[in-house]
Amino acid sequence: MSLSASLSALRDGLLAGERRALSRAITLIESTRTDHRKQASALLSSLGGVTGDAMRIGLSGTPGVGKSTFIESFGMQLIDEGRKVAVLAVDPSSTIAGGAILGDKTRMERLVRASDAFIRPSPSGGALGGVARRTREAILLCEAAGFDTVLVETVGVGQSETTVAQMTDMFLLLLAPAGGDELQGVKRGVMEIADVIVVNKADGAMKDAAERTRADYASALRLFRPRDGEAEGYPMALTASALEENGLDDIWRALKSLDAARRASGLHARRRNGQAQQWFDAALEAQLMAVFREKTDLEDLRLLVADGTLTPDAAAERGVLAFTNGTK
């Protein structure tokens, strides 16, 4: 598909690593306008094989664990090592205006000013797993702009958090020092997808508590069934202090070691292939639903469900029949 002059200029700026162009491109792919969706598709298709090489790291954690502080300290360390770091911080959406309400970007002052960093807060739009619907596409754009490390920060911890694991190479779970009851507060499913658990705030009076919490999680992880083809020693639990910038080296070494092992064994490629298929399924469902809503009048069916005339299942079946018969 040939690009318009404006899209060609946007693509050139993106490939040149211009952060303004990257911001504009992400804004384009996040748009729900039909003409913008077509332009976004053309832009992504034109990028071809210039994306895909970055290390994609998903990150989540319990409220108050210090995710923003951790991301800033960790990101600055990676930049000091010569990495280019993009942060996609997915904020909860306002139920009134629909925009991002946390403003993580304002809490990462050093990272915002770094020339080799890019931070993009995006509203989740109510998407499951705390991940914006277009986060996958935003990752590709960041890679096209030359960022070799992409951190995807997700909203909270919940059973749908597996969404981030389906678009990243590794998943980092941040927890705060606490008593043994903390194990009951984190869903088993989230722990099962974590590659590295980090007990943050391991400083001052909380240092000993952090080490005890780390030991508790290390013991819990050993009870899980080993993952097929996984590198020895993973998943693992570590401690860190983002405030004092202690333990970050250990976390980075653990992530690099895991990434190297997965690439060598072929697991990295298999995961990426599986993620691409999941992305296709999600995109197909979204487009089918968009066409369905456009071609089918659902308001009458909603009213029939609301007043109890039809069950939701019966109304859905009627809607599908109307769609397949080509009537509204």
C-alpha atoms as a PDB file:
ATOM      1  CA  MET A   1       0.000   0.000   0.000  1.00  0.00           C
ATOM      2  CA  SER A   2       1.466   3.359  -1.066  1.00  0.00           C
ATOM      3  CA  LEU A   3       1.684   6.089   1.527  1.00  0.00           C
ATOM      4  CA  SER A   4       0.440   9.649   1.255  1.00  0.00           C
ATOM      5  CA  ALA A   5       3.006  12.438   1.482  1.00  0.00           C
ATOM      6  CA  SER A   6       2.081  13.151   5.103  1.00  0.00           C
ATOM      7  CA  LEU A   7       2.343   9.476   6.105  1.00  0.00           C
ATOM      8  CA  SER A   8       5.665   9.128   4.270  1.00  0.00           C
ATOM      9  CA  ALA A   9       7.013  12.121   6.192  1.00  0.00           C
ATOM     10  CA  LEU A  10       5.741  10.618   9.438  1.00  0.00           C
ATOM     11  CA  ARG A  11       7.394   7.300   8.606  1.00  0.00           C
ATOM     12  CA  ASP A  12      10.705   8.982   7.758  1.00  0.00           C
ATOM     13  CA  GLY A  13      10.654  10.916  11.024  1.00  0.00           C
ATOM     14  CA  LEU A  14       9.825   7.769  12.943  1.00  0.00           C
ATOM     15  CA  LEU A  15      12.693   5.803  11.410  1.00  0.00           C
ATOM     16  CA  ALA A  16      15.020   8.718  12.136  1.00  0.00           C
ATOM     17  CA  GLY A  17      14.187   8.327  15.814  1.00  0.00           C
ATOM     18  CA  GLU A  18      12.333  11.621  16.178  1.00  0.00           C
ATOM     19  CA  ARG A  19      10.332  11.509  19.391  1.00  0.00           C
ATOM     20  CA  ARG A  20       7.774  13.985  18.056  1.00  0.00           C
ATOM     21  CA  ALA A  21       7.124  11.679  15.101  1.00  0.00           C
ATOM     22  CA  LEU A  22       6.819   8.712  17.454  1.00  0.00           C
ATOM     23  CA  SER A  23       4.276  10.566  19.574  1.00  0.00           C
ATOM     24  CA  ARG A  24       2.259  11.507  16.499  1.00  0.00           C
ATOM     25  CA  ALA A  25       2.363   7.934  15.207  1.00  0.00           C
ATOM     26  CA  ILE A  26       1.104   6.527  18.510  1.00  0.00           C
ATOM     27  CA  THR A  27      -1.656   9.137  18.594  1.00  0.00           C
ATOM     28  CA  LEU A  28      -2.651   7.979  15.113  1.00  0.00           C
ATOM     29  CA  ILE A  29      -2.848   4.301  16.026  1.00  0.00           C
ATOM     30  CA  GLU A  30      -4.814   5.084  19.196  1.00  0.00           C
ATOM     31  CA  SER A  31      -7.470   6.943  17.241  1.00  0.00           C
ATOM     32  CA  THR A  32     -10.789   5.184  16.693  1.00  0.00           C
ATOM     33  CA  ARG A  33     -11.677   7.193  13.587  1.00  0.00           C
ATOM     34  CA  THR A  34     -12.144   4.991  10.534  1.00  0.00           C
ATOM     35  CA  ASP A  35      -9.857   7.098   8.323  1.00  0.00           C
ATOM     36  CA  HIS A  36      -7.175   7.133  11.030  1.00  0.00           C
ATOM     37  CA  ARG A  37      -7.402   3.360  11.434  1.00  0.00           C
ATOM     38  CA  LYS A  38      -6.739   2.952   7.693  1.00  0.00           C
ATOM     39  CA  GLN A  39      -3.780   5.338   7.868  1.00  0.00           C
ATOM     40  CA  ALA A  40      -2.413   3.523  10.939  1.00  0.00           C
ATOM     41  CA  SER A  41      -2.662   0.187   9.149  1.00  0.00           C
ATOM     42  CA  ALA A  42      -0.826   1.586   6.129  1.00  0.00           C
ATOM     43  CA  LEU A  43       1.903   3.059   8.338  1.00  0.00           C
ATOM     44  CA  LEU A  44       2.443  -0.182  10.235  1.00  0.00           C
ATOM     45  CA  SER A  45       2.506  -2.227   7.032  1.00  0.00           C
ATOM     46  CA  SER A  46       5.116   0.099   5.548  1.00  0.00           C
ATOM     47  CA  LEU A  47       7.477  -0.504   8.468  1.00  0.00           C
ATOM     48  CA  GLY A  48       7.934  -4.134   7.452  1.00  0.00           C
ATOM     49  CA  GLY A  49      10.986  -5.768   9.011  1.00  0.00           C
ATOM     50  CA  VAL A  50      12.347  -2.744  10.868  1.00  0.00           C
ATOM     51  CA  THR A  51      10.558  -3.757  14.077  1.00  0.00           C
ATOM     52  CA  GLY A  52      10.813  -6.712  16.422  1.00  0.00           C
ATOM     53  CA  ASP A  53      14.319  -6.680  17.905  1.00  0.00           C
ATOM     54  CA  ALA A  54      13.722  -4.793  21.170  1.00  0.00           C
ATOM     55  CA  MET A  55      13.620  -6.469  24.548  1.00  0.00           C
ATOM     56  CA  ARG A  56       9.985  -6.185  25.615  1.00  0.00           C
ATOM     57  CA  ILE A  57       9.466  -6.182  29.377  1.00  0.00           C
ATOM     58  CA  GLY A  58       6.039  -6.141  31.019  1.00  0.00           C
ATOM     59  CA  LEU A  59       5.811  -4.706  34.508  1.00  0.00           C
ATOM     60  CA  SER A  60       3.073  -4.568  37.082  1.00  0.00           C
ATOM     61  CA  GLY A  61       2.682  -4.428  40.824  1.00  0.00           C
ATOM     62  CA  THR A  62       0.462  -3.900  43.804  1.00  0.00           C
ATOM     63  CA  PRO A  63      -0.748  -0.344  44.593  1.00  0.00           C
ATOM     64  CA  GLY A  64       1.844   1.754  46.411  1.00  0.00           C
ATOM     65  CA  VAL A  65       4.743  -0.501  45.459  1.00  0.00           C
ATOM     66  CA  GLY A  66       6.600   2.343  43.757  1.00  0.00           C
ATOM     67  CA  LYS A  67       6.310   1.386  40.113  1.00  0.00           C
ATOM     68  CA  SER A  68       7.056   4.853  38.782  1.00  0.00           C
ATOM     69  CA  THR A  69      10.132   5.254  40.987  1.00  0.00           C
ATOM     70  CA  PHE A  70      11.330   1.796  39.985  1.00  0.00           C
ATOM     71  CA  ILE A  71      10.822   2.426  36.269  1.00  0.00           C
ATOM     72  CA  GLU A  72      12.685   5.717  36.436  1.00  0.00           C
ATOM     73  CA  SER A  73      15.655   4.287  38.364  1.00  0.00           C
ATOM     74  CA  PHE A  74      15.754   1.129  36.243  1.00  0.00           C
ATOM     75  CA  GLY A  75      15.351   3.083  33.009  1.00  0.00           C
ATOM     76  CA  MET A  76      18.170   5.475  33.908  1.00  0.00           C
ATOM     77  CA  GLN A  77      20.463   2.532  34.648  1.00  0.00           C
ATOM     78  CA  LEU A  78      19.724   0.999  31.249  1.00  0.00           C
ATOM     79  CA  ILE A  79      20.407   4.331  29.560  1.00  0.00           C
ATOM     80  CA  ASP A  80      23.738   4.564  31.388  1.00  0.00           C
ATOM     81  CA  GLU A  81      24.569   1.178  29.826  1.00  0.00           C
ATOM     82  CA  GLY A  82      23.860   2.549  26.364  1.00  0.00           C
ATOM     83  CA  ARG A  83      20.292   1.305  25.950  1.00  0.00           C
ATOM     84  CA  LYS A  84      17.435   3.335  24.466  1.00  0.00           C
ATOM     85  CA  VAL A  85      14.364   2.946  26.655  1.00  0.00           C
ATOM     86  CA  ALA A  86      10.708   3.458  25.779  1.00  0.00           C
ATOM     87  CA  VAL A  87       8.096   3.327  28.532  1.00  0.00           C
ATOM     88  CA  LEU A  88       4.458   2.705  27.694  1.00  0.00           C
ATOM     89  CA  ALA A  89       2.692   3.556  30.926  1.00  0.00           C
ATOM     90  CA  VAL A  90      -0.940   2.530  30.639  1.00  0.00           C
ATOM     91  CA  ASP A  91      -3.053   4.607  33.027  1.00  0.00           C
ATOM     92  CA  PRO A  92      -6.582   3.848  34.228  1.00  0.00           C
ATOM     93  CA  SER A  93      -9.143   5.690  32.116  1.00  0.00           C
ATOM     94  CA  SER A  94     -11.349   8.343  33.613  1.00  0.00           C
ATOM     95  CA  THR A  95     -14.928   7.051  33.559  1.00  0.00           C
ATOM     96  CA  ILE A  96     -16.081  10.610  32.813  1.00  0.00           C
ATOM     97  CA  ALA A  97     -13.738  11.944  30.141  1.00  0.00           C
ATOM     98  CA  GLY A  98     -12.014   8.725  29.122  1.00  0.00           C
ATOM     99  CA  GLY A  99      -8.489  10.097  29.455  1.00  0.00           C
ATOM    100  CA  ALA A 100      -5.494   8.883  31.450  1.00  0.00           C
ATOM    101  CA  ILE A 101      -5.716  10.069  35.059  1.00  0.00           C
ATOM    102  CA  LEU A 102      -2.533   8.925  36.807  1.00  0.00           C
ATOM    103  CA  GLY A 103       0.026  10.945  34.896  1.00  0.00           C
ATOM    104  CA  ASP A 104       3.043   8.658  35.424  1.00  0.00           C
ATOM    105  CA  LYS A 105       5.048  10.873  33.088  1.00  0.00           C
ATOM    106  CA  THR A 106       5.016  13.704  35.636  1.00  0.00           C
ATOM    107  CA  ARG A 107       6.551  11.384  38.251  1.00  0.00           C
ATOM    108  CA  MET A 108       9.561  10.396  36.127  1.00  0.00           C
ATOM    109  CA  GLU A 109      11.310  13.749  35.839  1.00  0.00           C
ATOM    110  CA  ARG A 110      14.834  12.408  35.164  1.00  0.00           C
ATOM    111  CA  LEU A 111      13.667   9.877  32.597  1.00  0.00           C
ATOM    112  CA  VAL A 112      11.508  12.435  30.807  1.00  0.00           C
ATOM    113  CA  ARG A 113      14.545  14.672  30.300  1.00  0.00           C
ATOM    114  CA  ALA A 114      16.825  11.858  29.072  1.00  0.00           C
ATOM    115  CA  SER A 115      17.495  12.032  25.332  1.00  0.00           C
ATOM    116  CA  ASP A 116      17.528   8.233  25.020  1.00  0.00           C
ATOM    117  CA  ALA A 117      14.161   7.769  26.737  1.00  0.00           C
ATOM    118  CA  PHE A 118      10.577   8.059  25.588  1.00  0.00           C
ATOM    119  CA  ILE A 119       7.576   7.931  27.912  1.00  0.00           C
ATOM    120  CA  ARG A 120       4.040   7.614  26.679  1.00  0.00           C
ATOM    121  CA  PRO A 121       1.140   7.525  29.158  1.00  0.00           C
ATOM    122  CA  SER A 122      -1.982   6.150  27.502  1.00  0.00           C
ATOM    123  CA  PRO A 123      -5.504   5.623  28.821  1.00  0.00           C
ATOM    124  CA  SER A 124      -6.413   1.959  29.118  1.00  0.00           C
ATOM    125  CA  GLY A 125      -9.858   2.647  27.713  1.00  0.00           C
ATOM    126  CA  GLY A 126     -11.223  -0.056  29.976  1.00  0.00           C
ATOM    127  CA  ALA A 127      -9.230  -2.740  28.169  1.00  0.00           C
ATOM    128  CA  LEU A 128      -8.744  -5.989  30.059  1.00  0.00           C
ATOM    129  CA  GLY A 129      -5.401  -6.544  31.689  1.00  0.00           C
ATOM    130  CA  GLY A 130      -4.745  -2.836  32.114  1.00  0.00           C
ATOM    131  CA  VAL A 131      -3.221  -2.657  28.660  1.00  0.00           C
ATOM    132  CA  ALA A 132      -4.382  -0.156  26.060  1.00  0.00           C
ATOM    133  CA  ARG A 133      -5.891  -1.820  23.009  1.00  0.00           C
ATOM    134  CA  ARG A 134      -3.182  -0.434  20.754  1.00  0.00           C
ATOM    135  CA  THR A 135      -0.241  -1.172  23.037  1.00  0.00           C
ATOM    136  CA  ARG A 136       1.003  -3.926  20.714  1.00  0.00           C
ATOM    137  CA  GLU A 137       1.160  -1.481  17.829  1.00  0.00           C
ATOM    138  CA  ALA A 138       2.815   1.162  20.022  1.00  0.00           C
ATOM    139  CA  ILE A 139       5.558  -1.358  20.858  1.00  0.00           C
ATOM    140  CA  LEU A 140       6.282  -1.830  17.143  1.00  0.00           C
ATOM    141  CA  LEU A 141       6.440   1.922  16.616  1.00  0.00           C
ATOM    142  CA  CYS A 142       8.915   2.316  19.478  1.00  0.00           C
ATOM    143  CA  GLU A 143      11.092  -0.396  17.968  1.00  0.00           C
ATOM    144  CA  ALA A 144      10.935   1.285  14.552  1.00  0.00           C
ATOM    145  CA  ALA A 145      12.111   4.508  16.207  1.00  0.00           C
ATOM    146  CA  GLY A 146      15.240   2.724  17.444  1.00  0.00           C
ATOM    147  CA  PHE A 147      14.360   1.905  21.047  1.00  0.00           C
ATOM    148  CA  ASP A 148      15.934  -1.411  22.024  1.00  0.00           C
ATOM    149  CA  THR A 149      14.140  -1.773  25.376  1.00  0.00           C
ATOM    150  CA  VAL A 150      10.380  -1.310  25.793  1.00  0.00           C
ATOM    151  CA  LEU A 151       8.849  -1.307  29.272  1.00  0.00           C
ATOM    152  CA  VAL A 152       5.079  -1.788  29.394  1.00  0.00           C
ATOM    153  CA  GLU A 153       3.690  -0.699  32.745  1.00  0.00           C
ATOM    154  CA  THR A 154       0.202  -2.032  33.384  1.00  0.00           C
ATOM    155  CA  VAL A 155      -2.624  -0.985  35.664  1.00  0.00           C
ATOM    156  CA  GLY A 156      -2.616  -2.830  38.977  1.00  0.00           C
ATOM    157  CA  VAL A 157      -2.687  -6.572  39.481  1.00  0.00           C
ATOM    158  CA  GLY A 158      -5.664  -8.674  38.434  1.00  0.00           C
ATOM    159  CA  GLN A 159      -6.667 -11.907  36.770  1.00  0.00           C
ATOM    160  CA  SER A 160      -6.538 -10.303  33.305  1.00  0.00           C
ATOM    161  CA  GLU A 161      -2.911  -9.246  33.780  1.00  0.00           C
ATOM    162  CA  THR A 162      -1.874 -12.117  31.530  1.00  0.00           C
ATOM    163  CA  THR A 163      -2.638  -9.746  28.641  1.00  0.00           C
ATOM    164  CA  VAL A 164       0.717  -8.039  29.101  1.00  0.00           C
ATOM    165  CA  ALA A 165       2.534 -11.376  29.029  1.00  0.00           C
ATOM    166  CA  GLN A 166       1.024 -11.972  25.588  1.00  0.00           C
ATOM    167  CA  MET A 167       2.798  -8.971  24.114  1.00  0.00           C
ATOM    168  CA  THR A 168       6.127  -8.885  25.961  1.00  0.00           C
ATOM    169  CA  ASP A 169       9.137 -11.180  26.268  1.00  0.00           C
ATOM    170  CA  MET A 170       9.370 -11.122  30.070  1.00  0.00           C
ATOM    171  CA  PHE A 171       7.097 -10.155  32.928  1.00  0.00           C
ATOM    172  CA  LEU A 172       8.327  -8.375  36.060  1.00  0.00           C
ATOM    173  CA  LEU A 173       6.089  -8.297  39.138  1.00  0.00           C
ATOM    174  CA  LEU A 174       6.810  -5.673  41.811  1.00  0.00           C
ATOM    175  CA  LEU A 175       5.709  -6.273  45.398  1.00  0.00           C
ATOM    176  CA  ALA A 176       6.142  -4.355  48.636  1.00  0.00           C
ATOM    177  CA  PRO A 177       7.654  -5.776  51.841  1.00  0.00           C
ATOM    178  CA  ALA A 178       4.923  -7.283  53.995  1.00  0.00           C
ATOM    179  CA  GLY A 179       4.059 -10.124  56.331  1.00  0.00           C
ATOM    180  CA  GLY A 180       3.257 -13.655  55.266  1.00  0.00           C
ATOM    181  CA  ASP A 181      -0.349 -12.699  54.558  1.00  0.00           C
ATOM    182  CA  GLU A 182       0.854 -10.816  51.490  1.00  0.00           C
ATOM    183  CA  LEU A 183       1.016 -14.128  49.655  1.00  0.00           C
ATOM    184  CA  GLN A 184      -2.750 -14.313  49.916  1.00  0.00           C
ATOM    185  CA  GLY A 185      -3.164 -10.883  48.332  1.00  0.00           C
ATOM    186  CA  VAL A 186      -1.587 -11.697  44.985  1.00  0.00           C
ATOM    187  CA  LYS A 187      -3.490 -13.963  42.650  1.00  0.00           C
ATOM    188  CA  ARG A 188      -1.791 -17.243  41.848  1.00  0.00           C
ATOM    189  CA  GLY A 189      -2.312 -16.657  38.129  1.00  0.00           C
ATOM    190  CA  VAL A 190      -0.280 -13.449  38.203  1.00  0.00           C
ATOM    191  CA  MET A 191       2.573 -15.179  40.022  1.00  0.00           C
ATOM    192  CA  GLU A 192       2.520 -18.011  37.509  1.00  0.00           C
ATOM    193  CA  ILE A 193       3.232 -15.667  34.604  1.00  0.00           C
ATOM    194  CA  ALA A 194       5.909 -13.660  36.437  1.00  0.00           C
ATOM    195  CA  ASP A 195       9.478 -14.356  35.341  1.00  0.00           C
ATOM    196  CA  VAL A 196      11.061 -12.208  38.038  1.00  0.00           C
ATOM    197  CA  ILE A 197       9.377 -11.097  41.260  1.00  0.00           C
ATOM    198  CA  VAL A 198      10.965  -8.007  42.787  1.00  0.00           C
ATOM    199  CA  VAL A 199      10.317  -7.010  46.381  1.00  0.00           C
ATOM    200  CA  ASN A 200      10.825  -3.254  46.167  1.00  0.00           C
ATOM    201  CA  LYS A 201      11.472  -0.739  48.966  1.00  0.00           C
ATOM    202  CA  ALA A 202      14.195  -2.950  50.471  1.00  0.00           C
ATOM    203  CA  ASP A 203      15.755  -0.069  52.365  1.00  0.00           C
ATOM    204  CA  GLY A 204      15.832   1.456  55.822  1.00  0.00           C
ATOM    205  CA  ALA A 205      13.604  -0.178  58.404  1.00  0.00           C
ATOM    206  CA  MET A 206      11.950  -2.307  55.691  1.00  0.00           C
ATOM    207  CA  LYS A 207      15.135  -3.998  54.487  1.00  0.00           C
ATOM    208  CA  ASP A 208      14.816  -7.083  56.693  1.00  0.00           C
ATOM    209  CA  ALA A 209      11.088  -7.362  55.980  1.00  0.00           C
ATOM    210  CA  ALA A 210      11.826  -7.205  52.258  1.00  0.00           C
ATOM    211  CA  GLU A 211      14.276 -10.090  52.503  1.00  0.00           C
ATOM    212  CA  ARG A 212      11.751 -12.169  54.444  1.00  0.00           C
ATOM    213  CA  THR A 213       9.096 -11.424  51.840  1.00  0.00           C
ATOM    214  CA  ARG A 214      11.503 -12.381  49.062  1.00  0.00           C
ATOM    215  CA  ALA A 215      12.217 -15.696  50.808  1.00  0.00           C
ATOM    216  CA  ASP A 216       8.470 -16.349  51.151  1.00  0.00           C
ATOM    217  CA  TYR A 217       7.927 -15.823  47.440  1.00  0.00           C
ATOM    218  CA  ALA A 218      10.984 -17.834  46.472  1.00  0.00           C
ATOM    219  CA  SER A 219       9.554 -20.739  48.463  1.00  0.00           C
ATOM    220  CA  ALA A 220       6.129 -20.296  46.878  1.00  0.00           C
ATOM    221  CA  LEU A 221       7.604 -20.266  43.367  1.00  0.00           C
ATOM    222  CA  ARG A 222       9.281 -23.621  43.971  1.00  0.00           C
ATOM    223  CA  LEU A 223       5.838 -25.163  44.473  1.00  0.00           C
ATOM    224  CA  PHE A 224       4.742 -24.274  40.950  1.00  0.00           C
ATOM    225  CA  ARG A 225       5.085 -26.816  38.175  1.00  0.00           C
ATOM    226  CA  PRO A 226       8.218 -26.144  36.089  1.00  0.00           C
ATOM    227  CA  ARG A 227       7.536 -24.406  32.800  1.00  0.00           C
ATOM    228  CA  ASP A 228       8.290 -26.344  29.649  1.00  0.00           C
ATOM    229  CA  GLY A 229      11.633 -25.363  28.165  1.00  0.00           C
ATOM    230  CA  GLU A 230      12.308 -22.646  30.728  1.00  0.00           C
ATOM    231  CA  ALA A 231      15.806 -21.641  31.792  1.00  0.00           C
ATOM    232  CA  GLU A 232      17.002 -23.115  35.080  1.00  0.00           C
ATOM    233  CA  GLY A 233      16.398 -20.938  38.119  1.00  0.00           C
ATOM    234  CA  TYR A 234      13.363 -19.119  36.747  1.00  0.00           C
ATOM    235  CA  PRO A 235      11.040 -17.723  37.857  1.00  0.00           C
ATOM    236  CA  MET A 236      13.015 -16.084  40.662  1.00  0.00           C
ATOM    237  CA  ALA A 237      12.477 -13.597  43.479  1.00  0.00           C
ATOM    238  CA  LEU A 238      14.820 -10.670  44.166  1.00  0.00           C
ATOM    239  CA  THR A 239      14.904  -7.549  46.346  1.00  0.00           C
ATOM    240  CA  ALA A 240      15.599  -3.982  45.290  1.00  0.00           C
ATOM    241  CA  SER A 241      15.435  -0.400  46.444  1.00  0.00           C
ATOM    242  CA  ALA A 242      14.462   1.866  43.578  1.00  0.00           C
ATOM    243  CA  LEU A 243      14.842   4.844  45.898  1.00  0.00           C
ATOM    244  CA  GLU A 244      18.460   4.005  46.760  1.00  0.00           C
ATOM    245  CA  GLU A 245      19.033   2.315  43.386  1.00  0.00           C
ATOM    246  CA  ASN A 246      20.205  -0.925  44.986  1.00  0.00           C
ATOM    247  CA  GLY A 247      19.582  -4.340  43.450  1.00  0.00           C
ATOM    248  CA  LEU A 248      18.850  -3.000  39.979  1.00  0.00           C
ATOM    249  CA  ASP A 249      22.012  -4.603  38.571  1.00  0.00           C
ATOM    250  CA  ASP A 250      20.841  -8.020  39.764  1.00  0.00           C
ATOM    251  CA  ILE A 251      17.448  -7.541  38.117  1.00  0.00           C
ATOM    252  CA  TRP A 252      18.982  -6.484  34.803  1.00  0.00           C
ATOM    253  CA  ARG A 253      21.414  -9.424  34.845  1.00  0.00           C
ATOM    254  CA  ALA A 254      18.516 -11.791  35.546  1.00  0.00           C
ATOM    255  CA  LEU A 255      16.487 -10.399  32.647  1.00  0.00           C
ATOM    256  CA  LYS A 256      19.422 -10.474  30.220  1.00  0.00           C
ATOM    257  CA  SER A 257      20.285 -14.033  31.221  1.00  0.00           C
ATOM    258  CA  LEU A 258      16.695 -15.168  30.746  1.00  0.00           C
ATOM    259  CA  ASP A 259      16.443 -13.407  27.384  1.00  0.00           C
ATOM    260  CA  ALA A 260      19.689 -14.990  26.155  1.00  0.00           C
ATOM    261  CA  ALA A 261      18.617 -18.456  27.291  1.00  0.00           C
ATOM    262  CA  ARG A 262      15.242 -18.182  25.590  1.00  0.00           C
ATOM    263  CA  ARG A 263      16.769 -16.948  22.354  1.00  0.00           C
ATOM    264  CA  ALA A 264      19.325 -19.769  22.354  1.00  0.00           C
ATOM    265  CA  SER A 265      16.696 -22.458  22.986  1.00  0.00           C
ATOM    266  CA  GLY A 266      14.247 -21.107  20.399  1.00  0.00           C
ATOM    267  CA  LEU A 267      11.649 -20.327  23.069  1.00  0.00           C
ATOM    268  CA  HIS A 268      11.876 -16.602  22.319  1.00  0.00           C
ATOM    269  CA  ALA A 269      10.955 -17.142  18.664  1.00  0.00           C
ATOM    270  CA  ARG A 270       8.146 -19.546  19.559  1.00  0.00           C
ATOM    271  CA  ARG A 271       6.716 -17.044  22.037  1.00  0.00           C
ATOM    272  CA  ARG A 272       6.832 -14.234  19.483  1.00  0.00           C
ATOM    273  CA  ASN A 273       5.120 -16.461  16.896  1.00  0.00           C
ATOM    274  CA  GLY A 274       2.401 -17.365  19.374  1.00  0.00           C
ATOM    275  CA  GLN A 275       1.938 -13.722  20.329  1.00  0.00           C
ATOM    276  CA  ALA A 276       1.550 -12.755  16.673  1.00  0.00           C
ATOM    277  CA  GLN A 277      -1.228 -15.313  16.286  1.00  0.00           C
ATOM    278  CA  GLN A 278      -2.943 -14.055  19.448  1.00  0.00           C
ATOM    279  CA  TRP A 279      -2.661 -10.521  18.087  1.00  0.00           C
ATOM    280  CA  PHE A 280      -4.285 -11.663  14.837  1.00  0.00           C
ATOM    281  CA  ASP A 281      -7.162 -13.300  16.724  1.00  0.00           C
ATOM    282  CA  ALA A 282      -7.717 -10.152  18.805  1.00  0.00           C
ATOM    283  CA  ALA A 283      -7.587  -7.887  15.748  1.00  0.00           C
ATOM    284  CA  LEU A 284      -9.978 -10.146  13.857  1.00  0.00           C
ATOM    285  CA  GLU A 285     -12.469 -10.164  16.730  1.00  0.00           C
ATOM    286  CA  ALA A 286     -12.266  -6.379  17.063  1.00  0.00           C
ATOM    287  CA  GLN A 287     -12.857  -5.803  13.344  1.00  0.00           C
ATOM    288  CA  LEU A 288     -15.689  -8.318  13.196  1.00  0.00           C
ATOM    289  CA  MET A 289     -17.321  -6.617  16.171  1.00  0.00           C
ATOM    290  CA  ALA A 290     -16.913  -3.201  14.542  1.00  0.00           C
ATOM    291  CA  VAL A 291     -18.600  -4.445  11.352  1.00  0.00           C
ATOM    292  CA  PHE A 292     -21.300  -6.155  13.415  1.00  0.00           C
ATOM    293  CA  ARG A 293     -22.121  -2.943  15.297  1.00  0.00           C
ATOM    294  CA  GLU A 294     -22.171  -0.979  12.057  1.00  0.00           C
ATOM    295  CA  LYS A 295     -24.496  -3.382  10.253  1.00  0.00           C
ATOM    296  CA  THR A 296     -26.798  -4.342  13.123  1.00  0.00           C
ATOM    297  CA  ASP A 297     -29.146  -2.177  15.201  1.00  0.00           C
ATOM    298  CA  LEU A 298     -28.522  -3.372  18.733  1.00  0.00           C
ATOM    299  CA  GLU A 299     -30.458  -0.726  20.665  1.00  0.00           C
ATOM    300  CA  ASP A 300     -33.831  -2.481  20.358  1.00  0.00           C
ATOM    301  CA  LEU A 301     -32.246  -5.729  21.529  1.00  0.00           C
ATOM    302  CA  ARG A 302     -30.679  -3.954  24.511  1.00  0.00           C
ATOM    303  CA  LEU A 303     -34.084  -2.598  25.513  1.00  0.00           C
ATOM    304  CA  LEU A 304     -35.638  -6.070  25.263  1.00  0.00           C
ATOM    305  CA  VAL A 305     -32.883  -7.426  27.515  1.00  0.00           C
ATOM    306  CA  ALA A 306     -33.281  -4.543  29.956  1.00  0.00           C
ATOM    307  CA  ASP A 307     -37.019  -5.106  30.419  1.00  0.00           C
ATOM    308  CA  GLY A 308     -36.624  -8.873  30.694  1.00  0.00           C
ATOM    309  CA  THR A 309     -38.360  -9.736  27.424  1.00  0.00           C
ATOM    310  CA  LEU A 310     -35.259 -11.526  26.137  1.00  0.00           C
ATOM    311  CA  THR A 311     -32.370 -13.160  27.908  1.00  0.00           C
ATOM    312  CA  PRO A 312     -28.931 -11.842  26.943  1.00  0.00           C
ATOM    313  CA  ASP A 313     -28.135 -15.111  25.145  1.00  0.00           C
ATOM    314  CA  ALA A 314     -31.371 -15.043  23.174  1.00  0.00           C
ATOM    315  CA  ALA A 315     -30.870 -11.399  22.237  1.00  0.00           C
ATOM    316  CA  ALA A 316     -27.310 -12.084  21.108  1.00  0.00           C
ATOM    317  CA  GLU A 317     -28.495 -14.995  18.976  1.00  0.00           C
ATOM    318  CA  ARG A 318     -31.162 -12.795  17.393  1.00  0.00           C
ATOM    319  CA  GLY A 319     -28.572 -10.121  16.667  1.00  0.00           C
ATOM    320  CA  VAL A 320     -26.260 -12.622  14.974  1.00  0.00           C
ATOM    321  CA  LEU A 321     -29.125 -13.965  12.856  1.00  0.00           C
ATOM    322  CA  ALA A 322     -30.025 -10.435  11.793  1.00  0.00           C
ATOM    323  CA  PHE A 323     -26.415  -9.779  10.846  1.00  0.00           C
ATOM    324  CA  THR A 324     -25.971 -12.983   8.849  1.00  0.00           C
ATOM    325  CA  ASN A 325     -29.276 -12.393   7.058  1.00  0.00           C
ATOM    326  CA  GLY A 326     -28.169  -8.883   6.138  1.00  0.00           C
ATOM    327  CA  THR A 327     -31.020  -7.112   7.925  1.00  0.00           C
ATOM    328  CA  LYS A 328     -31.125  -4.615  10.755  1.00  0.00           C
END
